[in-house]
PDB file of all heavy atoms in Angstrom:
ATOM      1  N   PHE A   1      -0.397  28.358  -1.364  1.00  0.00           N
ATOM      2  CA  PHE A   1      -0.495  27.072  -0.675  1.00  0.00           C
ATOM      3  C   PHE A   1       0.017  25.970  -1.606  1.00  0.00           C
ATOM      4  O   PHE A   1      -0.462  25.843  -2.729  1.00  0.00           O
ATOM      5  CB  PHE A   1      -1.942  26.804  -0.275  1.00  0.00           C
ATOM      6  CG  PHE A   1      -2.154  25.420   0.294  1.00  0.00           C
ATOM      7  CD1 PHE A   1      -1.657  25.086   1.547  1.00  0.00           C
ATOM      8  CD2 PHE A   1      -2.819  24.461  -0.446  1.00  0.00           C
ATOM      9  CE1 PHE A   1      -1.837  23.823   2.062  1.00  0.00           C
ATOM     10  CE2 PHE A   1      -3.000  23.191   0.070  1.00  0.00           C
ATOM     11  CZ  PHE A   1      -2.523  22.872   1.329  1.00  0.00           C
ATOM     12  N   VAL A   2       0.996  25.235  -1.141  1.00  0.00           N
ATOM     13  CA  VAL A   2       1.541  24.120  -1.905  1.00  0.00           C
ATOM     14  C   VAL A   2       1.084  22.814  -1.266  1.00  0.00           C
ATOM     15  O   VAL A   2       1.415  22.529  -0.111  1.00  0.00           O
ATOM     16  CB  VAL A   2       3.080  24.162  -1.954  1.00  0.00           C
ATOM     17  CG1 VAL A   2       3.610  22.979  -2.759  1.00  0.00           C
ATOM     18  CG2 VAL A   2       3.552  25.471  -2.563  1.00  0.00           C
ATOM     19  N   MET A   3       0.279  22.061  -1.994  1.00  0.00           N
ATOM     20  CA  MET A   3      -0.237  20.796  -1.464  1.00  0.00           C
ATOM     21  C   MET A   3       0.856  19.739  -1.480  1.00  0.00           C
ATOM     22  O   MET A   3       1.521  19.551  -2.487  1.00  0.00           O
ATOM     23  CB  MET A   3      -1.417  20.311  -2.329  1.00  0.00           C
ATOM     24  CG  MET A   3      -2.074  19.031  -1.798  1.00  0.00           C
ATOM     25  SD  MET A   3      -3.400  18.462  -2.903  1.00  0.00           S
ATOM     26  CE  MET A   3      -4.553  19.822  -2.757  1.00  0.00           C
ATOM     27  N   PRO A   4       1.071  19.037  -0.371  1.00  0.00           N
ATOM     28  CA  PRO A   4       2.073  17.963  -0.356  1.00  0.00           C
ATOM     29  C   PRO A   4       1.772  16.921  -1.421  1.00  0.00           C
ATOM     30  O   PRO A   4       0.604  16.652  -1.731  1.00  0.00           O
ATOM     31  CB  PRO A   4       1.940  17.378   1.056  1.00  0.00           C
ATOM     32  CG  PRO A   4       1.301  18.456   1.865  1.00  0.00           C
ATOM     33  CD  PRO A   4       0.415  19.208   0.925  1.00  0.00           C
ATOM     34  N   ARG A   5       2.836  16.336  -1.961  1.00  0.00           N
ATOM     35  CA  ARG A   5       2.688  15.358  -3.052  1.00  0.00           C
ATOM     36  C   ARG A   5       1.812  14.172  -2.633  1.00  0.00           C
ATOM     37  O   ARG A   5       0.962  13.708  -3.376  1.00  0.00           O
ATOM     38  CB  ARG A   5       4.066  14.860  -3.489  1.00  0.00           C
ATOM     39  CG  ARG A   5       4.050  13.834  -4.598  1.00  0.00           C
ATOM     40  CD  ARG A   5       5.479  13.548  -5.042  1.00  0.00           C
ATOM     41  NE  ARG A   5       5.500  12.514  -6.067  1.00  0.00           N
ATOM     42  CZ  ARG A   5       5.608  11.208  -5.785  1.00  0.00           C
ATOM     43  NH1 ARG A   5       5.676  10.804  -4.529  1.00  0.00           N
ATOM     44  NH2 ARG A   5       5.626  10.324  -6.762  1.00  0.00           N
ATOM     45  N   ARG A   6       2.013  13.684  -1.392  1.00  0.00           N
ATOM     46  CA  ARG A   6       1.256  12.512  -0.929  1.00  0.00           C
ATOM     47  C   ARG A   6      -0.234  12.814  -0.889  1.00  0.00           C
ATOM     48  O   ARG A   6      -1.070  12.026  -1.309  1.00  0.00           O
ATOM     49  CB  ARG A   6       1.760  12.089   0.442  1.00  0.00           C
ATOM     50  CG  ARG A   6       1.042  10.856   0.993  1.00  0.00           C
ATOM     51  CD  ARG A   6       1.685  10.400   2.285  1.00  0.00           C
ATOM     52  NE  ARG A   6       3.046   9.957   2.068  1.00  0.00           N
ATOM     53  CZ  ARG A   6       3.857   9.535   3.038  1.00  0.00           C
ATOM     54  NH1 ARG A   6       3.429   9.512   4.289  1.00  0.00           N
ATOM     55  NH2 ARG A   6       5.084   9.147   2.759  1.00  0.00           N
ATOM     56  N   GLU A   7      -0.589  14.032  -0.372  1.00  0.00           N
ATOM     57  CA  GLU A   7      -1.999  14.396  -0.298  1.00  0.00           C
ATOM     58  C   GLU A   7      -2.593  14.589  -1.685  1.00  0.00           C
ATOM     59  O   GLU A   7      -3.730  14.232  -1.956  1.00  0.00           O
ATOM     60  CB  GLU A   7      -2.173  15.671   0.535  1.00  0.00           C
ATOM     61  CG  GLU A   7      -3.654  16.048   0.726  1.00  0.00           C
ATOM     62  CD  GLU A   7      -3.828  17.263   1.610  1.00  0.00           C
ATOM     63  OE1 GLU A   7      -2.838  17.685   2.238  1.00  0.00           O
ATOM     64  OE2 GLU A   7      -4.950  17.781   1.667  1.00  0.00           O
ATOM     65  N   SER A   8      -1.766  15.171  -2.584  1.00  0.00           N
ATOM     66  CA  SER A   8      -2.230  15.363  -3.965  1.00  0.00           C
ATOM     67  C   SER A   8      -2.580  14.044  -4.613  1.00  0.00           C
ATOM     68  O   SER A   8      -3.624  13.896  -5.259  1.00  0.00           O
ATOM     69  CB  SER A   8      -1.142  16.075  -4.772  1.00  0.00           C
ATOM     70  OG  SER A   8      -1.504  16.155  -6.127  1.00  0.00           O
ATOM     71  N   LEU A   9      -1.706  13.060  -4.444  1.00  0.00           N
ATOM     72  CA  LEU A   9      -1.969  11.743  -5.018  1.00  0.00           C
ATOM     73  C   LEU A   9      -3.186  11.099  -4.379  1.00  0.00           C
ATOM     74  O   LEU A   9      -3.984  10.437  -5.040  1.00  0.00           O
ATOM     75  CB  LEU A   9      -0.739  10.843  -4.849  1.00  0.00           C
ATOM     76  CG  LEU A   9       0.458  11.205  -5.714  1.00  0.00           C
ATOM     77  CD1 LEU A   9       1.676  10.377  -5.287  1.00  0.00           C
ATOM     78  CD2 LEU A   9       0.162  10.977  -7.184  1.00  0.00           C
ATOM     79  N   PHE A  10      -3.367  11.316  -3.041  1.00  0.00           N
ATOM     80  CA  PHE A  10      -4.516  10.729  -2.368  1.00  0.00           C
ATOM     81  C   PHE A  10      -5.813  11.308  -2.911  1.00  0.00           C
ATOM     82  O   PHE A  10      -6.776  10.594  -3.194  1.00  0.00           O
ATOM     83  CB  PHE A  10      -4.421  10.980  -0.854  1.00  0.00           C
ATOM     84  CG  PHE A  10      -5.652  10.553  -0.091  1.00  0.00           C
ATOM     85  CD1 PHE A  10      -5.875   9.218   0.193  1.00  0.00           C
ATOM     86  CD2 PHE A  10      -6.600  11.492   0.298  1.00  0.00           C
ATOM     87  CE1 PHE A  10      -7.016   8.816   0.865  1.00  0.00           C
ATOM     88  CE2 PHE A  10      -7.743  11.091   0.968  1.00  0.00           C
ATOM     89  CZ  PHE A  10      -7.953   9.763   1.263  1.00  0.00           C
ATOM     90  N   ARG A  11      -5.840  12.653  -3.070  1.00  0.00           N
ATOM     91  CA  ARG A  11      -7.053  13.293  -3.573  1.00  0.00           C
ATOM     92  C   ARG A  11      -7.360  12.848  -4.998  1.00  0.00           C
ATOM     93  O   ARG A  11      -8.508  12.611  -5.344  1.00  0.00           O
ATOM     94  CB  ARG A  11      -6.909  14.812  -3.505  1.00  0.00           C
ATOM     95  CG  ARG A  11      -6.882  15.340  -2.076  1.00  0.00           C
ATOM     96  CD  ARG A  11      -6.981  16.855  -2.049  1.00  0.00           C
ATOM     97  NE  ARG A  11      -6.939  17.360  -0.687  1.00  0.00           N
ATOM     98  CZ  ARG A  11      -7.129  18.643  -0.384  1.00  0.00           C
ATOM     99  NH1 ARG A  11      -7.361  19.536  -1.340  1.00  0.00           N
ATOM    100  NH2 ARG A  11      -7.079  19.035   0.876  1.00  0.00           N
ATOM    101  N   MET A  12      -6.319  12.731  -5.812  1.00  0.00           N
ATOM    102  CA  MET A  12      -6.531  12.281  -7.182  1.00  0.00           C
ATOM    103  C   MET A  12      -7.077  10.860  -7.191  1.00  0.00           C
ATOM    104  O   MET A  12      -7.933  10.491  -7.989  1.00  0.00           O
ATOM    105  CB  MET A  12      -5.236  12.354  -7.991  1.00  0.00           C
ATOM    106  CG  MET A  12      -5.431  12.018  -9.466  1.00  0.00           C
ATOM    107  SD  MET A  12      -3.928  12.225 -10.435  1.00  0.00           S
ATOM    108  CE  MET A  12      -2.988  10.827  -9.864  1.00  0.00           C
ATOM    109  N   GLY A  13      -6.573  10.046  -6.237  1.00  0.00           N
ATOM    110  CA  GLY A  13      -7.000   8.652  -6.183  1.00  0.00           C
ATOM    111  C   GLY A  13      -8.441   8.493  -5.772  1.00  0.00           C
ATOM    112  O   GLY A  13      -9.069   7.467  -6.052  1.00  0.00           O
ATOM    113  N   THR A  14      -9.017   9.495  -5.067  1.00  0.00           N
ATOM    114  CA  THR A  14     -10.415   9.401  -4.646  1.00  0.00           C
ATOM    115  C   THR A  14     -11.336  10.161  -5.579  1.00  0.00           C
ATOM    116  O   THR A  14     -12.522  10.301  -5.300  1.00  0.00           O
ATOM    117  CB  THR A  14     -10.556   9.958  -3.217  1.00  0.00           C
ATOM    118  OG1 THR A  14     -10.058  11.300  -3.195  1.00  0.00           O
ATOM    119  CG2 THR A  14      -9.767   9.108  -2.231  1.00  0.00           C
ATOM    120  N   SER A  15     -10.791  10.659  -6.689  1.00  0.00           N
ATOM    121  CA  SER A  15     -11.596  11.413  -7.646  1.00  0.00           C
ATOM    122  C   SER A  15     -11.930  10.569  -8.850  1.00  0.00           C
ATOM    123  O   SER A  15     -11.454   9.451  -9.004  1.00  0.00           O
ATOM    124  CB  SER A  15     -10.813  12.652  -8.099  1.00  0.00           C
ATOM    125  OG  SER A  15      -9.696  12.236  -8.875  1.00  0.00           O
ATOM    126  N   LEU A  16     -12.770  11.134  -9.730  1.00  0.00           N
ATOM    127  CA  LEU A  16     -13.106  10.443 -10.973  1.00  0.00           C
ATOM    128  C   LEU A  16     -11.857  10.239 -11.817  1.00  0.00           C
ATOM    129  O   LEU A  16     -11.686   9.194 -12.446  1.00  0.00           O
ATOM    130  CB  LEU A  16     -14.143  11.269 -11.751  1.00  0.00           C
ATOM    131  CG  LEU A  16     -14.684  10.645 -13.036  1.00  0.00           C
ATOM    132  CD1 LEU A  16     -15.406   9.349 -12.706  1.00  0.00           C
ATOM    133  CD2 LEU A  16     -15.625  11.613 -13.732  1.00  0.00           C
ATOM    134  N   GLY A  17     -10.950  11.241 -11.792  1.00  0.00           N
ATOM    135  CA  GLY A  17      -9.695  11.091 -12.519  1.00  0.00           C
ATOM    136  C   GLY A  17      -8.880   9.936 -11.980  1.00  0.00           C
ATOM    137  O   GLY A  17      -8.217   9.218 -12.725  1.00  0.00           O
ATOM    138  N   GLY A  18      -8.932   9.747 -10.659  1.00  0.00           N
ATOM    139  CA  GLY A  18      -8.215   8.629 -10.067  1.00  0.00           C
ATOM    140  C   GLY A  18      -8.777   7.296 -10.504  1.00  0.00           C
ATOM    141  O   GLY A  18      -8.043   6.334 -10.741  1.00  0.00           O
ATOM    142  N   ILE A  19     -10.109   7.216 -10.624  1.00  0.00           N
ATOM    143  CA  ILE A  19     -10.737   5.980 -11.095  1.00  0.00           C
ATOM    144  C   ILE A  19     -10.287   5.681 -12.516  1.00  0.00           C
ATOM    145  O   ILE A  19      -9.978   4.543 -12.871  1.00  0.00           O
ATOM    146  CB  ILE A  19     -12.272   6.091 -11.011  1.00  0.00           C
ATOM    147  CG1 ILE A  19     -12.698   6.220  -9.544  1.00  0.00           C
ATOM    148  CG2 ILE A  19     -12.941   4.888 -11.656  1.00  0.00           C
ATOM    149  CD1 ILE A  19     -14.170   6.526  -9.358  1.00  0.00           C
ATOM    150  N   ALA A  20     -10.249   6.725 -13.351  1.00  0.00           N
ATOM    151  CA  ALA A  20      -9.806   6.533 -14.741  1.00  0.00           C
ATOM    152  C   ALA A  20      -8.352   6.085 -14.782  1.00  0.00           C
ATOM    153  O   ALA A  20      -7.975   5.201 -15.553  1.00  0.00           O
ATOM    154  CB  ALA A  20      -9.982   7.839 -15.522  1.00  0.00           C
ATOM    155  N   LEU A  21      -7.516   6.705 -13.919  1.00  0.00           N
ATOM    156  CA  LEU A  21      -6.111   6.330 -13.879  1.00  0.00           C
ATOM    157  C   LEU A  21      -5.948   4.879 -13.440  1.00  0.00           C
ATOM    158  O   LEU A  21      -5.182   4.112 -14.031  1.00  0.00           O
ATOM    159  CB  LEU A  21      -5.346   7.251 -12.930  1.00  0.00           C
ATOM    160  CG  LEU A  21      -3.858   6.940 -12.720  1.00  0.00           C
ATOM    161  CD1 LEU A  21      -3.107   7.076 -14.036  1.00  0.00           C
ATOM    162  CD2 LEU A  21      -3.260   7.852 -11.659  1.00  0.00           C
ATOM    163  N   ALA A  22      -6.706   4.480 -12.419  1.00  0.00           N
ATOM    164  CA  ALA A  22      -6.627   3.102 -11.943  1.00  0.00           C
ATOM    165  C   ALA A  22      -7.051   2.128 -13.028  1.00  0.00           C
ATOM    166  O   ALA A  22      -6.458   1.063 -13.205  1.00  0.00           O
ATOM    167  CB  ALA A  22      -7.502   2.933 -10.705  1.00  0.00           C
ATOM    168  N   SER A  23      -8.092   2.518 -13.764  1.00  0.00           N
ATOM    169  CA  SER A  23      -8.561   1.659 -14.857  1.00  0.00           C
ATOM    170  C   SER A  23      -7.493   1.514 -15.927  1.00  0.00           C
ATOM    171  O   SER A  23      -7.247   0.429 -16.456  1.00  0.00           O
ATOM    172  CB  SER A  23      -9.831   2.251 -15.463  1.00  0.00           C
ATOM    173  OG  SER A  23     -10.213   1.544 -16.612  1.00  0.00           O
ATOM    174  N   MET A  24      -6.822   2.650 -16.214  1.00  0.00           N
ATOM    175  CA  MET A  24      -5.762   2.643 -17.212  1.00  0.00           C
ATOM    176  C   MET A  24      -4.611   1.747 -16.774  1.00  0.00           C
ATOM    177  O   MET A  24      -4.086   0.943 -17.542  1.00  0.00           O
ATOM    178  CB  MET A  24      -5.246   4.064 -17.419  1.00  0.00           C
ATOM    179  CG  MET A  24      -4.919   4.437 -18.847  1.00  0.00           C
ATOM    180  SD  MET A  24      -4.699   6.210 -19.012  1.00  0.00           S
ATOM    181  CE  MET A  24      -3.390   6.531 -17.881  1.00  0.00           C
ATOM    182  N   LEU A  25      -4.226   1.876 -15.504  1.00  0.00           N
ATOM    183  CA  LEU A  25      -3.124   1.068 -14.989  1.00  0.00           C
ATOM    184  C   LEU A  25      -3.486  -0.406 -14.982  1.00  0.00           C
ATOM    185  O   LEU A  25      -2.676  -1.268 -15.318  1.00  0.00           O
ATOM    186  CB  LEU A  25      -2.767   1.517 -13.569  1.00  0.00           C
ATOM    187  CG  LEU A  25      -2.084   2.881 -13.456  1.00  0.00           C
ATOM    188  CD1 LEU A  25      -2.012   3.323 -12.001  1.00  0.00           C
ATOM    189  CD2 LEU A  25      -0.704   2.839 -14.069  1.00  0.00           C
ATOM    190  N   ALA A  26      -4.746  -0.708 -14.624  1.00  0.00           N
ATOM    191  CA  ALA A  26      -5.167  -2.110 -14.610  1.00  0.00           C
ATOM    192  C   ALA A  26      -5.164  -2.689 -16.004  1.00  0.00           C
ATOM    193  O   ALA A  26      -4.739  -3.826 -16.228  1.00  0.00           O
ATOM    194  CB  ALA A  26      -6.561  -2.219 -14.000  1.00  0.00           C
ATOM    195  N   GLU A  27      -5.616  -1.878 -16.987  1.00  0.00           N
ATOM    196  CA  GLU A  27      -5.647  -2.348 -18.372  1.00  0.00           C
ATOM    197  C   GLU A  27      -4.242  -2.610 -18.879  1.00  0.00           C
ATOM    198  O   GLU A  27      -4.009  -3.516 -19.678  1.00  0.00           O
ATOM    199  CB  GLU A  27      -6.334  -1.304 -19.256  1.00  0.00           C
ATOM    200  CG  GLU A  27      -6.445  -1.734 -20.711  1.00  0.00           C
ATOM    201  CD  GLU A  27      -7.143  -0.684 -21.558  1.00  0.00           C
ATOM    202  OE1 GLU A  27      -7.746   0.228 -20.978  1.00  0.00           O
ATOM    203  OE2 GLU A  27      -7.080  -0.786 -22.781  1.00  0.00           O
ATOM    204  N   ASP A  28      -3.265  -1.837 -18.360  1.00  0.00           N
ATOM    205  CA  ASP A  28      -1.897  -1.967 -18.866  1.00  0.00           C
ATOM    206  C   ASP A  28      -1.035  -2.913 -18.031  1.00  0.00           C
ATOM    207  O   ASP A  28       0.135  -3.094 -18.320  1.00  0.00           O
ATOM    208  CB  ASP A  28      -1.226  -0.591 -18.883  1.00  0.00           C
ATOM    209  CG  ASP A  28       0.014  -0.587 -19.757  1.00  0.00           C
ATOM    210  OD1 ASP A  28      -0.158  -0.518 -20.976  1.00  0.00           O
ATOM    211  OD2 ASP A  28       1.117  -0.672 -19.215  1.00  0.00           O
ATOM    212  N   SER A  29      -1.624  -3.530 -17.020  1.00  0.00           N
ATOM    213  CA  SER A  29      -0.809  -4.314 -16.105  1.00  0.00           C
ATOM    214  C   SER A  29      -0.557  -5.730 -16.567  1.00  0.00           C
ATOM    215  O   SER A  29       0.089  -6.489 -15.872  1.00  0.00           O
ATOM    216  CB  SER A  29      -1.484  -4.357 -14.727  1.00  0.00           C
ATOM    217  OG  SER A  29      -2.705  -5.073 -14.809  1.00  0.00           O
ATOM    218  N   ARG A  30      -1.065  -6.126 -17.751  1.00  0.00           N
ATOM    219  CA  ARG A  30      -0.865  -7.498 -18.202  1.00  0.00           C
ATOM    220  C   ARG A  30       0.617  -7.803 -18.315  1.00  0.00           C
ATOM    221  O   ARG A  30       1.423  -6.976 -18.667  1.00  0.00           O
ATOM    222  CB  ARG A  30      -1.541  -7.735 -19.552  1.00  0.00           C
ATOM    223  CG  ARG A  30      -0.821  -7.062 -20.701  1.00  0.00           C
ATOM    224  CD  ARG A  30      -1.284  -7.466 -22.053  1.00  0.00           C
ATOM    225  NE  ARG A  30      -1.810  -8.775 -22.165  1.00  0.00           N
ATOM    226  CZ  ARG A  30      -1.100  -9.879 -22.313  1.00  0.00           C
ATOM    227  NH1 ARG A  30       0.202  -9.816 -22.319  1.00  0.00           N
ATOM    228  NH2 ARG A  30      -1.684 -11.041 -22.440  1.00  0.00           N
ATOM    229  N   GLY A  31       0.990  -9.026 -17.966  1.00  0.00           N
ATOM    230  CA  GLY A  31       2.380  -9.412 -18.053  1.00  0.00           C
ATOM    231  C   GLY A  31       3.162  -9.141 -16.780  1.00  0.00           C
ATOM    232  O   GLY A  31       4.213  -9.693 -16.582  1.00  0.00           O
ATOM    233  N   GLN A  32       2.631  -8.290 -15.904  1.00  0.00           N
ATOM    234  CA  GLN A  32       3.359  -8.049 -14.669  1.00  0.00           C
ATOM    235  C   GLN A  32       3.044  -9.150 -13.666  1.00  0.00           C
ATOM    236  O   GLN A  32       2.210 -10.018 -13.884  1.00  0.00           O
ATOM    237  CB  GLN A  32       2.974  -6.673 -14.102  1.00  0.00           C
ATOM    238  CG  GLN A  32       3.388  -5.538 -15.049  1.00  0.00           C
ATOM    239  CD  GLN A  32       3.244  -4.195 -14.389  1.00  0.00           C
ATOM    240  OE1 GLN A  32       3.781  -3.960 -13.325  1.00  0.00           O
ATOM    241  NE2 GLN A  32       2.532  -3.298 -15.022  1.00  0.00           N
ATOM    242  N   GLU A  33       3.682  -9.079 -12.498  1.00  0.00           N
ATOM    243  CA  GLU A  33       3.541 -10.114 -11.489  1.00  0.00           C
ATOM    244  C   GLU A  33       2.085 -10.273 -11.089  1.00  0.00           C
ATOM    245  O   GLU A  33       1.334  -9.320 -10.989  1.00  0.00           O
ATOM    246  CB  GLU A  33       4.373  -9.750 -10.249  1.00  0.00           C
ATOM    247  CG  GLU A  33       5.825  -9.519 -10.556  1.00  0.00           C
ATOM    248  CD  GLU A  33       6.146  -8.086 -10.899  1.00  0.00           C
ATOM    249  OE1 GLU A  33       5.288  -7.407 -11.482  1.00  0.00           O
ATOM    250  OE2 GLU A  33       7.250  -7.657 -10.574  1.00  0.00           O
ATOM    251  N   SER A  34       1.677 -11.498 -10.856  1.00  0.00           N
ATOM    252  CA  SER A  34       0.326 -11.779 -10.403  1.00  0.00           C
ATOM    253  C   SER A  34       0.389 -12.895  -9.381  1.00  0.00           C
ATOM    254  O   SER A  34       1.422 -13.487  -9.124  1.00  0.00           O
ATOM    255  CB  SER A  34      -0.556 -12.198 -11.593  1.00  0.00           C
ATOM    256  OG  SER A  34      -0.130 -13.442 -12.089  1.00  0.00           O
ATOM    257  N   ASP A  35      -0.768 -13.184  -8.770  1.00  0.00           N
ATOM    258  CA  ASP A  35      -0.816 -14.254  -7.780  1.00  0.00           C
ATOM    259  C   ASP A  35      -0.435 -15.593  -8.392  1.00  0.00           C
ATOM    260  O   ASP A  35       0.029 -16.487  -7.706  1.00  0.00           O
ATOM    261  CB  ASP A  35      -2.223 -14.337  -7.179  1.00  0.00           C
ATOM    262  CG  ASP A  35      -2.548 -13.095  -6.355  1.00  0.00           C
ATOM    263  OD1 ASP A  35      -1.590 -12.425  -5.912  1.00  0.00           O
ATOM    264  OD2 ASP A  35      -3.731 -12.809  -6.157  1.00  0.00           O
ATOM    265  N   ALA A  36      -0.642 -15.728  -9.713  1.00  0.00           N
ATOM    266  CA  ALA A  36      -0.324 -16.995 -10.382  1.00  0.00           C
ATOM    267  C   ALA A  36       1.164 -17.137 -10.652  1.00  0.00           C
ATOM    268  O   ALA A  36       1.616 -18.191 -11.057  1.00  0.00           O
ATOM    269  CB  ALA A  36      -1.104 -17.090 -11.686  1.00  0.00           C
ATOM    270  N   GLY A  37       1.923 -16.062 -10.426  1.00  0.00           N
ATOM    271  CA  GLY A  37       3.357 -16.131 -10.688  1.00  0.00           C
ATOM    272  C   GLY A  37       3.708 -15.365 -11.948  1.00  0.00           C
ATOM    273  O   GLY A  37       2.958 -15.385 -12.927  1.00  0.00           O
ATOM    274  N   PRO A  38       4.842 -14.688 -11.948  1.00  0.00           N
ATOM    275  CA  PRO A  38       5.196 -13.800 -13.062  1.00  0.00           C
ATOM    276  C   PRO A  38       5.461 -14.521 -14.373  1.00  0.00           C
ATOM    277  O   PRO A  38       5.361 -13.913 -15.433  1.00  0.00           O
ATOM    278  CB  PRO A  38       6.451 -13.092 -12.558  1.00  0.00           C
ATOM    279  CG  PRO A  38       7.035 -14.051 -11.563  1.00  0.00           C
ATOM    280  CD  PRO A  38       5.871 -14.701 -10.901  1.00  0.00           C
ATOM    281  N   MET A  39       5.833 -15.802 -14.328  1.00  0.00           N
ATOM    282  CA  MET A  39       6.194 -16.495 -15.556  1.00  0.00           C
ATOM    283  C   MET A  39       5.123 -17.478 -16.021  1.00  0.00           C
ATOM    284  O   MET A  39       5.337 -18.244 -16.944  1.00  0.00           O
ATOM    285  CB  MET A  39       7.528 -17.221 -15.374  1.00  0.00           C
ATOM    286  CG  MET A  39       8.708 -16.283 -15.150  1.00  0.00           C
ATOM    287  SD  MET A  39       8.922 -15.067 -16.459  1.00  0.00           S
ATOM    288  CE  MET A  39       9.485 -16.144 -17.773  1.00  0.00           C
ATOM    289  N   GLN A  40       3.956 -17.479 -15.385  1.00  0.00           N
ATOM    290  CA  GLN A  40       2.875 -18.336 -15.846  1.00  0.00           C
ATOM    291  C   GLN A  40       2.411 -17.880 -17.232  1.00  0.00           C
ATOM    292  O   GLN A  40       2.479 -16.693 -17.563  1.00  0.00           O
ATOM    293  CB  GLN A  40       1.695 -18.270 -14.869  1.00  0.00           C
ATOM    294  CG  GLN A  40       1.962 -18.919 -13.517  1.00  0.00           C
ATOM    295  CD  GLN A  40       2.029 -20.428 -13.603  1.00  0.00           C
ATOM    296  OE1 GLN A  40       1.491 -21.026 -14.519  1.00  0.00           O
ATOM    297  NE2 GLN A  40       2.706 -21.041 -12.648  1.00  0.00           N
TER     298      GLN A  40
END
């Protein structure tokens, strides 16, 4: 059984690993576009 990529990402996103990944991405997102504008 080969799990589709989209479903794999969805399952990872609802797991503890997904929470850790989201935290990692949020921690590394400084400097990217934000509601205040990318060059603020």
